[in-house]
Amino acid sequence: MPGSSTVITALLQWYYDDVLVLGDRQIYDVCKEYQFPESLREKVHFCGYVSRQHPTRSRSEIRKELSVAEDESLVLVTAGGGQDGYDLLSLPWQPPAALPKGSASGPC
């Protein structure tokens, strides 16, 4: 969808006081990769990774359950609960073309 990133950026700037990013800026900097304007970058806070408990299943078991082959990419996107998250995640999504394979990989 042409211009969708501009629309999303405008919505984030207008409706949200802060944008919390689950992850580490050193691993994947969403501000840089999505070319956020300075006014939006000021709202972004990287929260690190959250884990409630140690994994009880292996990486291979989880990928098998999700029908994702070992050589396939797996992306997990979360936006919290409620209508805002649904609207955001229901938009067409394309991975950044310049993202090197494996550069934003996590434990799954």
N, C-alpha and C. Protein backbone atom coordinates (compact mmCIF):
# COMPACT_ATOMS: atom_id res chain seq x y z
N MET A 1 0.85 -1.17 0.00
CA MET A 1 0.00 0.00 0.00
C MET A 1 0.90 1.24 0.00
N PRO A 2 0.97 1.97 -1.09
CA PRO A 2 1.83 3.16 -1.17
C PRO A 2 1.44 4.19 -0.12
N GLY A 3 2.45 4.76 0.53
CA GLY A 3 2.21 5.81 1.51
C GLY A 3 1.73 5.32 2.86
N SER A 4 1.59 3.98 3.04
CA SER A 4 1.05 3.48 4.30
C SER A 4 1.98 3.78 5.47
N SER A 5 3.30 3.79 5.25
CA SER A 5 4.21 4.09 6.36
C SER A 5 4.06 5.54 6.81
N THR A 6 3.76 6.44 5.88
CA THR A 6 3.52 7.84 6.24
C THR A 6 2.26 7.98 7.08
N VAL A 7 1.22 7.24 6.72
CA VAL A 7 -0.03 7.26 7.46
C VAL A 7 0.18 6.69 8.87
N ILE A 8 0.88 5.57 8.96
CA ILE A 8 1.14 4.95 10.27
C ILE A 8 1.97 5.88 11.14
N THR A 9 2.99 6.50 10.58
CA THR A 9 3.82 7.45 11.33
C THR A 9 2.98 8.59 11.86
N ALA A 10 2.11 9.14 11.04
CA ALA A 10 1.24 10.24 11.46
C ALA A 10 0.30 9.80 12.58
N LEU A 11 -0.25 8.59 12.47
CA LEU A 11 -1.14 8.08 13.51
C LEU A 11 -0.39 7.89 14.83
N LEU A 12 0.82 7.35 14.75
CA LEU A 12 1.62 7.16 15.97
C LEU A 12 1.94 8.50 16.63
N GLN A 13 2.27 9.49 15.83
CA GLN A 13 2.59 10.81 16.38
C GLN A 13 1.37 11.47 17.01
N TRP A 14 0.20 11.31 16.41
CA TRP A 14 -1.00 12.00 16.86
C TRP A 14 -1.63 11.34 18.10
N TYR A 15 -1.77 10.00 18.05
CA TYR A 15 -2.54 9.31 19.07
C TYR A 15 -1.74 8.80 20.27
N TYR A 16 -0.43 8.71 20.17
CA TYR A 16 0.35 8.09 21.24
C TYR A 16 1.36 9.06 21.84
N ASP A 17 1.43 9.04 23.18
CA ASP A 17 2.41 9.85 23.89
C ASP A 17 3.78 9.19 23.86
N ASP A 18 3.79 7.86 23.89
CA ASP A 18 5.02 7.08 23.87
C ASP A 18 4.81 5.85 23.00
N VAL A 19 5.90 5.36 22.44
CA VAL A 19 5.88 4.12 21.68
C VAL A 19 6.90 3.19 22.34
N LEU A 20 6.42 2.10 22.91
CA LEU A 20 7.28 1.14 23.58
C LEU A 20 7.63 0.03 22.61
N VAL A 21 8.92 -0.25 22.47
CA VAL A 21 9.39 -1.28 21.55
C VAL A 21 9.97 -2.42 22.36
N LEU A 22 9.39 -3.59 22.19
CA LEU A 22 9.89 -4.78 22.84
C LEU A 22 11.09 -5.25 22.04
N GLY A 23 12.28 -5.05 22.57
CA GLY A 23 13.48 -5.43 21.85
C GLY A 23 14.64 -4.54 22.24
N ASP A 24 15.72 -4.66 21.48
CA ASP A 24 16.96 -3.95 21.75
C ASP A 24 17.36 -3.14 20.52
N ARG A 25 17.57 -1.85 20.71
CA ARG A 25 17.94 -0.97 19.60
C ARG A 25 19.20 -1.47 18.88
N GLN A 26 20.14 -2.08 19.61
CA GLN A 26 21.38 -2.56 19.01
C GLN A 26 21.14 -3.75 18.07
N ILE A 27 20.07 -4.47 18.30
CA ILE A 27 19.75 -5.61 17.44
C ILE A 27 18.91 -5.16 16.25
N TYR A 28 17.90 -4.33 16.51
CA TYR A 28 17.06 -3.83 15.42
C TYR A 28 16.50 -2.48 15.82
N ASP A 29 16.95 -1.45 15.16
CA ASP A 29 16.54 -0.09 15.47
C ASP A 29 15.37 0.31 14.57
N VAL A 30 14.14 0.20 15.09
CA VAL A 30 12.96 0.52 14.29
C VAL A 30 12.96 1.97 13.82
N CYS A 31 13.52 2.87 14.62
CA CYS A 31 13.56 4.29 14.23
C CYS A 31 14.39 4.48 12.96
N LYS A 32 15.51 3.80 12.90
CA LYS A 32 16.39 3.91 11.74
C LYS A 32 15.80 3.16 10.54
N GLU A 33 15.38 1.93 10.77
CA GLU A 33 14.91 1.08 9.67
C GLU A 33 13.66 1.63 9.00
N TYR A 34 12.77 2.25 9.79
CA TYR A 34 11.53 2.79 9.24
C TYR A 34 11.59 4.30 9.04
N GLN A 35 12.78 4.85 9.21
CA GLN A 35 13.04 6.27 8.96
C GLN A 35 12.03 7.17 9.67
N PHE A 36 11.87 6.91 10.99
CA PHE A 36 10.97 7.75 11.78
C PHE A 36 11.50 9.17 11.82
N PRO A 37 10.63 10.16 11.72
CA PRO A 37 11.07 11.55 11.89
C PRO A 37 11.46 11.78 13.35
N GLU A 38 12.26 12.81 13.60
CA GLU A 38 12.76 13.08 14.94
C GLU A 38 11.62 13.21 15.96
N SER A 39 10.51 13.82 15.57
CA SER A 39 9.38 14.00 16.49
C SER A 39 8.81 12.67 16.98
N LEU A 40 8.89 11.62 16.16
CA LEU A 40 8.43 10.30 16.58
C LEU A 40 9.53 9.56 17.33
N ARG A 41 10.78 9.72 16.91
CA ARG A 41 11.90 9.06 17.58
C ARG A 41 11.95 9.43 19.06
N GLU A 42 11.56 10.66 19.39
CA GLU A 42 11.57 11.11 20.78
C GLU A 42 10.58 10.34 21.64
N LYS A 43 9.56 9.75 21.03
CA LYS A 43 8.54 9.01 21.76
C LYS A 43 8.90 7.53 21.94
N VAL A 44 9.91 7.05 21.22
CA VAL A 44 10.24 5.63 21.22
C VAL A 44 11.12 5.27 22.40
N HIS A 45 10.71 4.22 23.11
CA HIS A 45 11.47 3.70 24.25
C HIS A 45 11.67 2.20 24.05
N PHE A 46 12.91 1.76 24.02
CA PHE A 46 13.21 0.34 23.88
C PHE A 46 13.16 -0.31 25.26
N CYS A 47 12.39 -1.37 25.40
CA CYS A 47 12.12 -1.99 26.70
C CYS A 47 12.90 -3.28 26.94
N GLY A 48 13.72 -3.68 25.99
CA GLY A 48 14.41 -4.96 26.14
C GLY A 48 13.46 -6.09 25.81
N TYR A 49 13.83 -7.28 26.25
CA TYR A 49 13.02 -8.46 25.99
C TYR A 49 12.35 -8.92 27.27
N VAL A 50 11.13 -9.41 27.16
CA VAL A 50 10.38 -9.85 28.32
C VAL A 50 10.24 -11.36 28.27
N SER A 51 10.56 -12.00 29.37
CA SER A 51 10.40 -13.44 29.47
C SER A 51 9.87 -13.77 30.86
N ARG A 52 8.75 -14.43 30.92
CA ARG A 52 8.15 -14.78 32.21
C ARG A 52 8.77 -16.04 32.79
N GLN A 53 9.24 -16.91 31.94
CA GLN A 53 9.82 -18.17 32.41
C GLN A 53 10.76 -18.70 31.35
N HIS A 54 11.55 -19.65 31.75
CA HIS A 54 12.45 -20.28 30.79
C HIS A 54 11.62 -21.13 29.83
N PRO A 55 12.04 -21.20 28.57
CA PRO A 55 11.29 -21.99 27.60
C PRO A 55 11.18 -23.45 28.04
N THR A 56 10.03 -24.03 27.81
CA THR A 56 9.83 -25.44 28.15
C THR A 56 9.94 -26.33 26.92
N ARG A 57 9.98 -25.68 25.75
CA ARG A 57 10.13 -26.43 24.50
C ARG A 57 11.31 -25.86 23.73
N SER A 58 11.89 -26.68 22.91
CA SER A 58 13.04 -26.24 22.11
C SER A 58 12.59 -25.41 20.92
N ARG A 59 13.54 -24.70 20.34
CA ARG A 59 13.29 -23.90 19.14
C ARG A 59 12.69 -24.78 18.04
N SER A 60 13.27 -25.96 17.85
CA SER A 60 12.80 -26.89 16.80
C SER A 60 11.36 -27.34 17.05
N GLU A 61 11.01 -27.62 18.30
CA GLU A 61 9.65 -28.05 18.63
C GLU A 61 8.64 -26.95 18.31
N ILE A 62 8.97 -25.72 18.65
CA ILE A 62 8.06 -24.60 18.40
C ILE A 62 7.89 -24.37 16.90
N ARG A 63 9.00 -24.40 16.15
CA ARG A 63 8.93 -24.20 14.71
C ARG A 63 8.10 -25.31 14.05
N LYS A 64 8.27 -26.55 14.54
CA LYS A 64 7.50 -27.67 13.98
C LYS A 64 6.01 -27.47 14.25
N GLU A 65 5.66 -27.06 15.47
CA GLU A 65 4.25 -26.83 15.82
C GLU A 65 3.63 -25.74 14.95
N LEU A 66 4.42 -24.72 14.59
CA LEU A 66 3.93 -23.61 13.77
C LEU A 66 4.08 -23.87 12.27
N SER A 67 4.60 -25.04 11.90
CA SER A 67 4.85 -25.41 10.50
C SER A 67 5.80 -24.43 9.81
N VAL A 68 6.84 -24.04 10.52
CA VAL A 68 7.87 -23.15 9.98
C VAL A 68 9.17 -23.95 9.88
N ALA A 69 9.67 -24.12 8.67
CA ALA A 69 10.90 -24.89 8.46
C ALA A 69 12.09 -24.18 9.08
N GLU A 70 13.13 -24.93 9.38
CA GLU A 70 14.34 -24.37 10.00
C GLU A 70 14.98 -23.28 9.14
N ASP A 71 14.84 -23.38 7.82
CA ASP A 71 15.48 -22.38 6.95
C ASP A 71 14.53 -21.24 6.56
N GLU A 72 13.32 -21.24 7.12
CA GLU A 72 12.36 -20.17 6.86
C GLU A 72 12.44 -19.10 7.95
N SER A 73 12.10 -17.88 7.57
CA SER A 73 12.05 -16.79 8.54
C SER A 73 10.77 -16.87 9.36
N LEU A 74 10.87 -16.46 10.62
CA LEU A 74 9.71 -16.41 11.49
C LEU A 74 9.70 -15.04 12.15
N VAL A 75 8.59 -14.32 11.99
CA VAL A 75 8.47 -12.98 12.56
C VAL A 75 7.29 -12.98 13.52
N LEU A 76 7.53 -12.51 14.74
CA LEU A 76 6.47 -12.36 15.72
C LEU A 76 6.22 -10.88 15.92
N VAL A 77 4.98 -10.47 15.73
CA VAL A 77 4.61 -9.06 15.89
C VAL A 77 3.51 -9.00 16.94
N THR A 78 3.68 -8.12 17.93
CA THR A 78 2.64 -7.93 18.93
C THR A 78 2.31 -6.44 19.03
N ALA A 79 1.07 -6.16 19.36
CA ALA A 79 0.66 -4.76 19.48
C ALA A 79 -0.24 -4.56 20.70
N GLY A 80 -0.19 -5.48 21.63
CA GLY A 80 -1.05 -5.34 22.80
C GLY A 80 -2.47 -5.76 22.47
N GLY A 81 -3.37 -5.42 23.36
CA GLY A 81 -4.76 -5.80 23.15
C GLY A 81 -5.60 -4.63 22.68
N GLY A 82 -6.82 -4.93 22.38
CA GLY A 82 -7.75 -3.87 22.02
C GLY A 82 -7.78 -3.56 20.55
N GLN A 83 -8.64 -2.62 20.21
CA GLN A 83 -8.90 -2.25 18.83
C GLN A 83 -7.68 -1.64 18.14
N ASP A 84 -6.88 -0.83 18.86
CA ASP A 84 -5.70 -0.21 18.24
C ASP A 84 -4.76 -1.26 17.67
N GLY A 85 -4.52 -2.30 18.44
CA GLY A 85 -3.62 -3.36 17.98
C GLY A 85 -4.17 -4.08 16.77
N TYR A 86 -5.46 -4.37 16.78
CA TYR A 86 -6.07 -5.05 15.64
C TYR A 86 -5.95 -4.22 14.37
N ASP A 87 -6.28 -2.93 14.47
CA ASP A 87 -6.21 -2.06 13.30
C ASP A 87 -4.78 -1.98 12.76
N LEU A 88 -3.81 -1.84 13.66
CA LEU A 88 -2.41 -1.73 13.24
C LEU A 88 -1.94 -3.01 12.55
N LEU A 89 -2.26 -4.16 13.13
CA LEU A 89 -1.78 -5.42 12.59
C LEU A 89 -2.58 -5.92 11.38
N SER A 90 -3.75 -5.35 11.13
CA SER A 90 -4.53 -5.79 9.98
C SER A 90 -4.09 -5.09 8.69
N LEU A 91 -3.18 -4.12 8.81
CA LEU A 91 -2.66 -3.45 7.62
C LEU A 91 -1.73 -4.39 6.86
N PRO A 92 -1.63 -4.26 5.54
CA PRO A 92 -0.68 -5.08 4.80
C PRO A 92 0.74 -4.79 5.29
N TRP A 93 1.53 -5.85 5.44
CA TRP A 93 2.88 -5.70 5.99
C TRP A 93 3.89 -6.35 5.05
N GLN A 94 4.98 -5.66 4.83
CA GLN A 94 6.08 -6.19 4.02
C GLN A 94 7.36 -6.00 4.82
N PRO A 95 8.22 -7.01 4.87
CA PRO A 95 9.49 -6.82 5.56
C PRO A 95 10.37 -5.84 4.80
N PRO A 96 11.24 -5.13 5.50
CA PRO A 96 12.15 -4.21 4.80
C PRO A 96 13.00 -4.98 3.80
N ALA A 97 13.07 -4.50 2.59
CA ALA A 97 13.82 -5.20 1.53
C ALA A 97 15.31 -5.26 1.83
N ALA A 98 15.83 -4.27 2.54
CA ALA A 98 17.26 -4.19 2.79
C ALA A 98 17.70 -4.96 4.04
N LEU A 99 16.79 -5.60 4.74
CA LEU A 99 17.12 -6.30 5.97
C LEU A 99 17.85 -7.59 5.65
N PRO A 100 19.12 -7.71 6.06
CA PRO A 100 19.86 -8.94 5.77
C PRO A 100 19.24 -10.14 6.50
N LYS A 101 19.25 -11.27 5.87
CA LYS A 101 18.67 -12.48 6.44
C LYS A 101 19.30 -12.77 7.80
N GLY A 102 18.45 -12.98 8.79
CA GLY A 102 18.94 -13.33 10.12
C GLY A 102 19.34 -12.16 10.98
N SER A 103 19.27 -10.93 10.47
CA SER A 103 19.76 -9.80 11.26
C SER A 103 18.85 -9.42 12.40
N ALA A 104 17.58 -9.82 12.36
CA ALA A 104 16.67 -9.48 13.44
C ALA A 104 16.09 -10.74 14.06
N SER A 105 16.88 -11.82 14.05
CA SER A 105 16.35 -13.08 14.55
C SER A 105 16.37 -13.12 16.06
N GLY A 106 15.43 -13.86 16.60
CA GLY A 106 15.34 -14.05 18.04
C GLY A 106 15.44 -15.53 18.36
N PRO A 107 14.99 -15.94 19.54
CA PRO A 107 15.14 -17.34 19.95
C PRO A 107 14.27 -18.32 19.19
N CYS A 108 13.24 -17.86 18.48
CA CYS A 108 12.39 -18.79 17.74
C CYS A 108 12.85 -18.84 16.31
